[in-house]
Structures are given as structure tokens and as C-alpha cells.
Amino acid sequence: MVTDRWLTPKPLVQALGEFDLDPCGAPGHELAARTLILENGDDGLQDPWHGRVWLNPPFSRAEPHRAFVARMAEHGHGTALLPLWTDTDVWEDSVWTVAAAILVLRNRVRFLKADGSPSPGAPFAMALVAYGEQDADALAGSGIGGHFLPVS
């Protein structure tokens, strides 16, 4: 079964500090002070965003993925966990031209399944993308293994 519900390991997010909003949240897996959860009637694309945002958008369908990353680029304050698909329109439009920094992760992310059990590692490389200088500083000082790239 294909699912968009791949939960970010909490230690990865905690290494970056506190977030005000997670627009793509999951029941029982809150990663920010406010978590928007589809099952609760929330809509992460339509509901207002505020403060520092943590974003792990759906990957399996292009349109929601593109829309969430574009919204993050417009919001300009937070960190997104994205597939390292650098040759895509998403990266061209909403990362390379807008982000403050990128941390290409050294290791594959071991997401959690919806029930909280570990999944195999992601089948592709991932990056943390910082929007705004506060998030660039958080990436640089996080201790998360990888290659830090400031983006101008």
C-alpha cells in the first residue's frame, strides 16, 4: 500500500530546536507546538501558518508535495525535510531561489510507519532545507551528520 504518512524520527526534529507549526502532522506524533492533522479536519495547505514551521510534506504525489514546498518558500521561516531531487521544478522554484541553507543528510532517514514502528531507510537521499537565517543557524549547529551548504 502506498502512503504519504511517513513520520519523521523525533530526534531529527528535536536537534533543530522548537517549532511553532507542523502543517503535515499525524495523530500521536506531534513535532511542533501546533500540529495540523487531516483527521481532525485541519488542512495544512489552507489553514494559516505562523511562526517557525516544520515541514515533512507528502512525497508520493507531485501536486501536494509541490504546493506544500511552495507554501514553505512563501512563508520563509522554518525547515523542510525534502527528497534530494535537485533537478525538479520544486527545487528550482522553491529551494535554490529561496532557501537560506541546505543540509544534505549523510545517512538515509529511517522514517516511522503510521503505527510508530520503524520503516526501512528511505530509498533516496534527503536534505533539510532552511528558510530564513534562524533556521540556517539551527541547521549549522544541529550536529546532524551531513554536508551544510549555505544558499545565496
N, C-alpha and C. Protein backbone atom coordinates (compact mmCIF):
# COMPACT_ATOMS: atom_id res chain seq x y z
N MET A 1 0.83 -1.18 0.00
CA MET A 1 0.00 0.00 0.00
C MET A 1 0.88 1.25 0.00
N VAL A 2 0.63 2.19 -0.90
CA VAL A 2 1.35 3.44 -0.96
C VAL A 2 0.74 4.39 0.06
N THR A 3 1.61 5.07 0.82
CA THR A 3 1.13 6.02 1.82
C THR A 3 1.98 7.28 1.81
N ASP A 4 1.35 8.39 2.13
CA ASP A 4 2.08 9.64 2.32
C ASP A 4 2.46 9.81 3.78
N ARG A 5 2.05 8.92 4.63
CA ARG A 5 2.24 9.05 6.06
C ARG A 5 3.52 8.35 6.48
N TRP A 6 4.63 9.05 6.36
CA TRP A 6 5.93 8.57 6.83
C TRP A 6 6.38 9.56 7.89
N LEU A 7 6.41 9.12 9.14
CA LEU A 7 6.66 10.00 10.25
C LEU A 7 8.16 10.26 10.42
N THR A 8 8.49 11.51 10.65
CA THR A 8 9.88 11.91 10.88
C THR A 8 10.32 11.44 12.26
N PRO A 9 11.50 10.85 12.37
CA PRO A 9 12.01 10.49 13.70
C PRO A 9 12.13 11.76 14.56
N LYS A 10 11.57 11.72 15.77
CA LYS A 10 11.57 12.89 16.64
C LYS A 10 12.98 13.44 16.91
N PRO A 11 14.00 12.60 17.12
CA PRO A 11 15.33 13.16 17.39
C PRO A 11 15.85 14.06 16.26
N LEU A 12 15.48 13.78 15.03
CA LEU A 12 15.91 14.62 13.91
C LEU A 12 15.34 16.03 14.05
N VAL A 13 14.07 16.12 14.40
CA VAL A 13 13.41 17.41 14.56
C VAL A 13 13.91 18.10 15.84
N GLN A 14 14.03 17.36 16.91
CA GLN A 14 14.46 17.94 18.19
C GLN A 14 15.86 18.55 18.10
N ALA A 15 16.71 18.01 17.25
CA ALA A 15 18.07 18.55 17.08
C ALA A 15 18.04 19.96 16.50
N LEU A 16 16.92 20.36 15.92
CA LEU A 16 16.79 21.66 15.28
C LEU A 16 16.13 22.70 16.17
N GLY A 17 15.67 22.32 17.34
CA GLY A 17 15.01 23.25 18.25
C GLY A 17 13.50 23.13 18.17
N GLU A 18 12.81 24.12 18.71
CA GLU A 18 11.35 24.09 18.78
C GLU A 18 10.72 24.73 17.56
N PHE A 19 9.61 24.15 17.15
CA PHE A 19 8.83 24.66 16.02
C PHE A 19 7.45 25.07 16.51
N ASP A 20 6.88 26.06 15.85
CA ASP A 20 5.56 26.56 16.20
C ASP A 20 4.44 25.80 15.50
N LEU A 21 4.72 25.28 14.29
CA LEU A 21 3.66 24.67 13.49
C LEU A 21 4.20 23.52 12.66
N ASP A 22 3.42 22.45 12.60
CA ASP A 22 3.66 21.34 11.67
C ASP A 22 2.38 21.20 10.85
N PRO A 23 2.38 21.66 9.58
CA PRO A 23 1.16 21.60 8.78
C PRO A 23 0.84 20.23 8.21
N CYS A 24 1.74 19.26 8.35
CA CYS A 24 1.52 17.90 7.82
C CYS A 24 1.64 16.88 8.94
N GLY A 25 0.96 17.14 10.05
CA GLY A 25 1.09 16.31 11.23
C GLY A 25 0.35 15.00 11.15
N ALA A 26 0.62 14.17 12.17
CA ALA A 26 -0.01 12.86 12.28
C ALA A 26 -0.50 12.67 13.70
N PRO A 27 -1.61 12.00 13.88
CA PRO A 27 -2.13 11.76 15.23
C PRO A 27 -1.09 11.06 16.10
N GLY A 28 -0.87 11.59 17.30
CA GLY A 28 0.06 10.97 18.25
C GLY A 28 1.52 11.20 17.94
N HIS A 29 1.82 12.03 16.95
CA HIS A 29 3.22 12.27 16.56
C HIS A 29 3.43 13.78 16.37
N GLU A 30 3.16 14.52 17.42
CA GLU A 30 3.26 15.97 17.35
C GLU A 30 4.74 16.38 17.41
N LEU A 31 5.14 17.25 16.48
CA LEU A 31 6.52 17.70 16.40
C LEU A 31 6.64 19.22 16.58
N ALA A 32 5.52 19.88 16.82
CA ALA A 32 5.51 21.34 16.96
C ALA A 32 4.45 21.72 17.99
N ALA A 33 4.49 22.97 18.41
CA ALA A 33 3.51 23.45 19.38
C ALA A 33 2.08 23.29 18.87
N ARG A 34 1.88 23.53 17.57
CA ARG A 34 0.57 23.30 16.93
C ARG A 34 0.79 22.36 15.76
N THR A 35 -0.01 21.31 15.73
CA THR A 35 0.10 20.31 14.68
C THR A 35 -1.22 20.21 13.95
N LEU A 36 -1.19 20.46 12.64
CA LEU A 36 -2.39 20.32 11.83
C LEU A 36 -2.51 18.87 11.39
N ILE A 37 -3.67 18.29 11.67
CA ILE A 37 -3.89 16.87 11.39
C ILE A 37 -5.14 16.72 10.54
N LEU A 38 -4.97 16.13 9.36
CA LEU A 38 -6.06 15.95 8.41
C LEU A 38 -7.26 15.27 9.07
N GLU A 39 -7.00 14.26 9.88
CA GLU A 39 -8.09 13.51 10.53
C GLU A 39 -8.90 14.38 11.49
N ASN A 40 -8.34 15.51 11.92
CA ASN A 40 -9.04 16.44 12.81
C ASN A 40 -9.76 17.54 12.03
N GLY A 41 -9.76 17.44 10.70
CA GLY A 41 -10.40 18.44 9.87
C GLY A 41 -9.49 19.60 9.51
N ASP A 42 -8.20 19.50 9.86
CA ASP A 42 -7.25 20.55 9.51
C ASP A 42 -6.84 20.40 8.05
N ASP A 43 -6.42 21.50 7.46
CA ASP A 43 -5.93 21.50 6.09
C ASP A 43 -4.62 22.30 6.06
N GLY A 44 -3.52 21.59 6.03
CA GLY A 44 -2.20 22.22 6.09
C GLY A 44 -1.90 23.17 4.96
N LEU A 45 -2.60 23.05 3.85
CA LEU A 45 -2.39 23.98 2.75
C LEU A 45 -3.28 25.22 2.86
N GLN A 46 -4.44 25.10 3.48
CA GLN A 46 -5.38 26.22 3.56
C GLN A 46 -5.36 26.95 4.90
N ASP A 47 -5.12 26.23 5.98
CA ASP A 47 -5.12 26.86 7.31
C ASP A 47 -3.95 27.83 7.43
N PRO A 48 -4.07 28.86 8.25
CA PRO A 48 -2.98 29.84 8.40
C PRO A 48 -1.72 29.19 8.97
N TRP A 49 -0.59 29.67 8.49
CA TRP A 49 0.71 29.27 9.03
C TRP A 49 1.23 30.42 9.88
N HIS A 50 1.94 30.07 10.95
CA HIS A 50 2.51 31.08 11.83
C HIS A 50 3.85 30.61 12.38
N GLY A 51 4.72 31.54 12.68
CA GLY A 51 5.97 31.22 13.35
C GLY A 51 6.88 30.31 12.56
N ARG A 52 7.68 29.59 13.30
CA ARG A 52 8.67 28.68 12.73
C ARG A 52 7.99 27.35 12.39
N VAL A 53 8.07 26.95 11.13
CA VAL A 53 7.33 25.79 10.63
C VAL A 53 8.27 24.61 10.39
N TRP A 54 7.83 23.43 10.83
CA TRP A 54 8.48 22.17 10.47
C TRP A 54 7.64 21.55 9.35
N LEU A 55 8.29 21.13 8.26
CA LEU A 55 7.55 20.57 7.13
C LEU A 55 8.17 19.28 6.64
N ASN A 56 7.41 18.20 6.73
CA ASN A 56 7.72 16.93 6.08
C ASN A 56 6.52 16.67 5.17
N PRO A 57 6.58 17.19 3.92
CA PRO A 57 5.41 17.13 3.04
C PRO A 57 5.21 15.73 2.47
N PRO A 58 4.01 15.46 1.94
CA PRO A 58 3.80 14.18 1.26
C PRO A 58 4.71 14.10 0.04
N PHE A 59 5.31 12.94 -0.18
CA PHE A 59 6.26 12.75 -1.29
C PHE A 59 5.66 12.03 -2.48
N SER A 60 4.65 11.20 -2.26
CA SER A 60 4.24 10.26 -3.31
C SER A 60 3.43 10.89 -4.43
N ARG A 61 2.85 12.05 -4.21
CA ARG A 61 2.07 12.71 -5.26
C ARG A 61 2.64 14.09 -5.50
N ALA A 62 2.90 14.40 -6.75
CA ALA A 62 3.62 15.63 -7.09
C ALA A 62 2.89 16.90 -6.66
N GLU A 63 1.59 16.99 -6.88
CA GLU A 63 0.90 18.26 -6.63
C GLU A 63 0.88 18.66 -5.15
N PRO A 64 0.49 17.78 -4.23
CA PRO A 64 0.54 18.23 -2.83
C PRO A 64 1.98 18.54 -2.40
N HIS A 65 2.93 17.76 -2.84
CA HIS A 65 4.33 17.99 -2.49
C HIS A 65 4.76 19.38 -2.96
N ARG A 66 4.53 19.66 -4.20
CA ARG A 66 4.89 20.96 -4.79
C ARG A 66 4.20 22.11 -4.05
N ALA A 67 2.91 21.95 -3.75
CA ALA A 67 2.15 23.01 -3.09
C ALA A 67 2.66 23.29 -1.67
N PHE A 68 2.97 22.24 -0.92
CA PHE A 68 3.49 22.43 0.43
C PHE A 68 4.86 23.12 0.41
N VAL A 69 5.73 22.70 -0.49
CA VAL A 69 7.06 23.31 -0.54
C VAL A 69 6.97 24.76 -1.01
N ALA A 70 6.10 25.05 -1.94
CA ALA A 70 5.89 26.43 -2.39
C ALA A 70 5.35 27.28 -1.23
N ARG A 71 4.45 26.72 -0.45
CA ARG A 71 3.91 27.47 0.70
C ARG A 71 5.02 27.74 1.71
N MET A 72 5.91 26.79 1.94
CA MET A 72 7.03 27.00 2.86
C MET A 72 7.94 28.10 2.33
N ALA A 73 8.23 28.07 1.05
CA ALA A 73 9.09 29.10 0.46
C ALA A 73 8.46 30.48 0.62
N GLU A 74 7.16 30.56 0.44
CA GLU A 74 6.45 31.83 0.61
C GLU A 74 6.46 32.26 2.07
N HIS A 75 6.25 31.32 2.98
CA HIS A 75 6.23 31.61 4.42
C HIS A 75 7.61 32.11 4.88
N GLY A 76 8.67 31.43 4.42
CA GLY A 76 10.03 31.90 4.64
C GLY A 76 10.61 31.74 6.03
N HIS A 77 10.01 30.91 6.89
CA HIS A 77 10.53 30.75 8.25
C HIS A 77 10.28 29.32 8.72
N GLY A 78 11.29 28.48 8.59
CA GLY A 78 11.15 27.10 9.03
C GLY A 78 12.13 26.19 8.32
N THR A 79 11.93 24.89 8.51
CA THR A 79 12.79 23.88 7.92
C THR A 79 11.93 22.79 7.30
N ALA A 80 12.33 22.35 6.11
CA ALA A 80 11.61 21.29 5.40
C ALA A 80 12.53 20.10 5.20
N LEU A 81 11.98 18.91 5.34
CA LEU A 81 12.68 17.67 5.04
C LEU A 81 12.23 17.24 3.65
N LEU A 82 13.17 17.27 2.69
CA LEU A 82 12.80 17.03 1.30
C LEU A 82 13.67 15.96 0.66
N PRO A 83 13.10 15.21 -0.28
CA PRO A 83 13.92 14.31 -1.09
C PRO A 83 14.95 15.14 -1.86
N LEU A 84 16.11 14.61 -2.02
CA LEU A 84 17.19 15.34 -2.69
C LEU A 84 17.03 15.18 -4.21
N TRP A 85 15.92 15.69 -4.70
CA TRP A 85 15.58 15.64 -6.13
C TRP A 85 15.89 17.02 -6.71
N THR A 86 17.16 17.34 -6.80
CA THR A 86 17.60 18.70 -7.12
C THR A 86 17.32 19.13 -8.56
N ASP A 87 16.96 18.20 -9.42
CA ASP A 87 16.70 18.54 -10.81
C ASP A 87 15.22 18.78 -11.10
N THR A 88 14.42 18.92 -10.04
CA THR A 88 12.97 19.09 -10.22
C THR A 88 12.57 20.56 -10.17
N ASP A 89 11.38 20.84 -10.67
CA ASP A 89 10.82 22.19 -10.60
C ASP A 89 10.66 22.65 -9.15
N VAL A 90 10.34 21.72 -8.26
CA VAL A 90 10.19 22.08 -6.85
C VAL A 90 11.47 22.70 -6.32
N TRP A 91 12.60 22.05 -6.59
CA TRP A 91 13.88 22.58 -6.12
C TRP A 91 14.22 23.88 -6.85
N GLU A 92 13.97 23.94 -8.12
CA GLU A 92 14.29 25.15 -8.88
C GLU A 92 13.46 26.35 -8.41
N ASP A 93 12.18 26.13 -8.17
CA ASP A 93 11.28 27.23 -7.82
C ASP A 93 11.24 27.56 -6.33
N SER A 94 11.40 26.55 -5.47
CA SER A 94 11.14 26.76 -4.04
C SER A 94 12.31 26.44 -3.11
N VAL A 95 13.43 26.04 -3.67
CA VAL A 95 14.60 25.78 -2.83
C VAL A 95 15.76 26.64 -3.27
N TRP A 96 16.30 26.39 -4.44
CA TRP A 96 17.51 27.08 -4.89
C TRP A 96 17.37 28.60 -4.88
N THR A 97 16.19 29.09 -5.18
CA THR A 97 16.00 30.54 -5.31
C THR A 97 15.53 31.21 -4.02
N VAL A 98 15.19 30.42 -2.98
CA VAL A 98 14.57 30.99 -1.79
C VAL A 98 15.24 30.57 -0.48
N ALA A 99 15.72 29.35 -0.39
CA ALA A 99 16.24 28.82 0.88
C ALA A 99 17.50 29.56 1.34
N ALA A 100 17.73 29.53 2.65
CA ALA A 100 18.93 30.13 3.23
C ALA A 100 20.07 29.13 3.32
N ALA A 101 19.74 27.84 3.53
CA ALA A 101 20.78 26.81 3.65
C ALA A 101 20.17 25.44 3.43
N ILE A 102 21.05 24.49 3.11
CA ILE A 102 20.64 23.10 2.89
C ILE A 102 21.62 22.22 3.64
N LEU A 103 21.10 21.21 4.31
CA LEU A 103 21.94 20.19 4.92
C LEU A 103 21.62 18.87 4.22
N VAL A 104 22.54 18.44 3.36
CA VAL A 104 22.38 17.15 2.68
C VAL A 104 22.73 16.09 3.72
N LEU A 105 21.75 15.26 4.06
CA LEU A 105 21.94 14.29 5.13
C LEU A 105 22.90 13.18 4.72
N ARG A 106 23.79 12.85 5.63
CA ARG A 106 24.79 11.80 5.39
C ARG A 106 24.13 10.43 5.29
N ASN A 107 23.16 10.18 6.15
CA ASN A 107 22.51 8.87 6.19
C ASN A 107 21.07 8.95 5.70
N ARG A 108 20.58 7.83 5.23
CA ARG A 108 19.17 7.75 4.82
C ARG A 108 18.29 7.88 6.07
N VAL A 109 17.18 8.58 5.93
CA VAL A 109 16.26 8.76 7.04
C VAL A 109 15.48 7.47 7.25
N ARG A 110 15.42 7.03 8.51
CA ARG A 110 14.59 5.88 8.86
C ARG A 110 13.28 6.40 9.43
N PHE A 111 12.33 6.61 8.52
CA PHE A 111 11.02 7.10 8.92
C PHE A 111 10.32 6.07 9.79
N LEU A 112 9.25 6.51 10.43
CA LEU A 112 8.40 5.61 11.19
C LEU A 112 7.12 5.41 10.40
N LYS A 113 6.55 4.22 10.51
CA LYS A 113 5.25 3.95 9.90
C LYS A 113 4.17 4.65 10.73
N ALA A 114 2.97 4.71 10.21
CA ALA A 114 1.87 5.40 10.88
C ALA A 114 1.62 4.84 12.29
N ASP A 115 1.91 3.56 12.51
CA ASP A 115 1.72 2.97 13.84
C ASP A 115 2.91 3.21 14.77
N GLY A 116 3.92 3.94 14.28
CA GLY A 116 5.10 4.25 15.10
C GLY A 116 6.24 3.27 15.00
N SER A 117 6.03 2.16 14.29
CA SER A 117 7.12 1.18 14.13
C SER A 117 8.10 1.68 13.08
N PRO A 118 9.37 1.27 13.20
CA PRO A 118 10.38 1.75 12.24
C PRO A 118 10.16 1.16 10.85
N SER A 119 10.48 1.96 9.86
CA SER A 119 10.44 1.50 8.47
C SER A 119 11.87 1.27 8.02
N PRO A 120 12.05 0.62 6.88
CA PRO A 120 13.39 0.57 6.30
C PRO A 120 13.82 2.00 5.96
N GLY A 121 15.08 2.20 5.75
CA GLY A 121 15.55 3.54 5.38
C GLY A 121 14.91 4.02 4.10
N ALA A 122 14.81 5.34 3.96
CA ALA A 122 14.25 5.93 2.74
C ALA A 122 15.05 5.41 1.53
N PRO A 123 14.38 5.18 0.41
CA PRO A 123 15.08 4.65 -0.77
C PRO A 123 15.81 5.73 -1.56
N PHE A 124 15.91 6.94 -1.03
CA PHE A 124 16.58 8.04 -1.72
C PHE A 124 17.20 8.96 -0.68
N ALA A 125 18.15 9.76 -1.13
CA ALA A 125 18.80 10.73 -0.25
C ALA A 125 17.83 11.85 0.11
N MET A 126 18.07 12.46 1.27
CA MET A 126 17.20 13.52 1.78
C MET A 126 18.05 14.73 2.17
N ALA A 127 17.38 15.86 2.28
CA ALA A 127 18.03 17.08 2.73
C ALA A 127 17.09 17.84 3.65
N LEU A 128 17.69 18.56 4.59
CA LEU A 128 16.95 19.52 5.39
C LEU A 128 17.18 20.88 4.75
N VAL A 129 16.10 21.59 4.48
CA VAL A 129 16.19 22.87 3.79
C VAL A 129 15.69 23.95 4.75
N ALA A 130 16.57 24.92 5.02
CA ALA A 130 16.26 26.01 5.94
C ALA A 130 15.76 27.22 5.19
N TYR A 131 14.67 27.78 5.66
CA TYR A 131 14.12 29.02 5.14
C TYR A 131 14.27 30.08 6.23
N GLY A 132 15.12 31.05 5.99
CA GLY A 132 15.40 32.09 6.96
C GLY A 132 16.70 31.81 7.70
N GLU A 133 17.33 32.89 8.16
CA GLU A 133 18.64 32.77 8.82
C GLU A 133 18.58 32.01 10.13
N GLN A 134 17.50 32.15 10.91
CA GLN A 134 17.37 31.40 12.17
C GLN A 134 17.45 29.91 11.90
N ASP A 135 16.79 29.46 10.86
CA ASP A 135 16.81 28.03 10.56
C ASP A 135 18.13 27.60 9.95
N ALA A 136 18.77 28.47 9.19
CA ALA A 136 20.12 28.16 8.68
C ALA A 136 21.08 27.97 9.84
N ASP A 137 20.99 28.85 10.84
CA ASP A 137 21.85 28.71 12.03
C ASP A 137 21.54 27.43 12.79
N ALA A 138 20.26 27.09 12.89
CA ALA A 138 19.87 25.85 13.57
C ALA A 138 20.43 24.63 12.85
N LEU A 139 20.38 24.63 11.51
CA LEU A 139 20.96 23.52 10.74
C LEU A 139 22.45 23.42 10.97
N ALA A 140 23.13 24.56 10.89
CA ALA A 140 24.59 24.58 11.04
C ALA A 140 25.03 24.06 12.40
N GLY A 141 24.26 24.34 13.44
CA GLY A 141 24.64 23.95 14.78
C GLY A 141 23.95 22.70 15.31
N SER A 142 23.23 21.99 14.45
CA SER A 142 22.41 20.86 14.90
C SER A 142 23.19 19.62 15.28
N GLY A 143 24.37 19.44 14.72
CA GLY A 143 25.10 18.19 14.95
C GLY A 143 24.61 17.03 14.10
N ILE A 144 23.64 17.28 13.25
CA ILE A 144 23.14 16.24 12.35
C ILE A 144 24.17 16.01 11.27
N GLY A 145 24.51 14.75 11.00
CA GLY A 145 25.54 14.42 10.03
C GLY A 145 25.13 14.75 8.60
N GLY A 146 26.05 15.37 7.90
CA GLY A 146 25.79 15.69 6.50
C GLY A 146 26.66 16.82 6.03
N HIS A 147 26.29 17.37 4.91
CA HIS A 147 27.05 18.46 4.29
C HIS A 147 26.19 19.72 4.28
N PHE A 148 26.68 20.76 4.97
CA PHE A 148 25.97 22.02 5.10
C PHE A 148 26.34 22.93 3.94
N LEU A 149 25.32 23.45 3.26
CA LEU A 149 25.53 24.33 2.11
C LEU A 149 24.74 25.61 2.30
N PRO A 150 25.41 26.75 2.51
CA PRO A 150 24.65 28.00 2.51
C PRO A 150 24.17 28.28 1.08
N VAL A 151 23.00 28.85 0.97
CA VAL A 151 22.45 29.17 -0.35
C VAL A 151 22.32 30.68 -0.43
N SER A 152 22.80 31.24 -1.54
CA SER A 152 22.72 32.70 -1.68
C SER A 152 21.66 33.08 -2.68
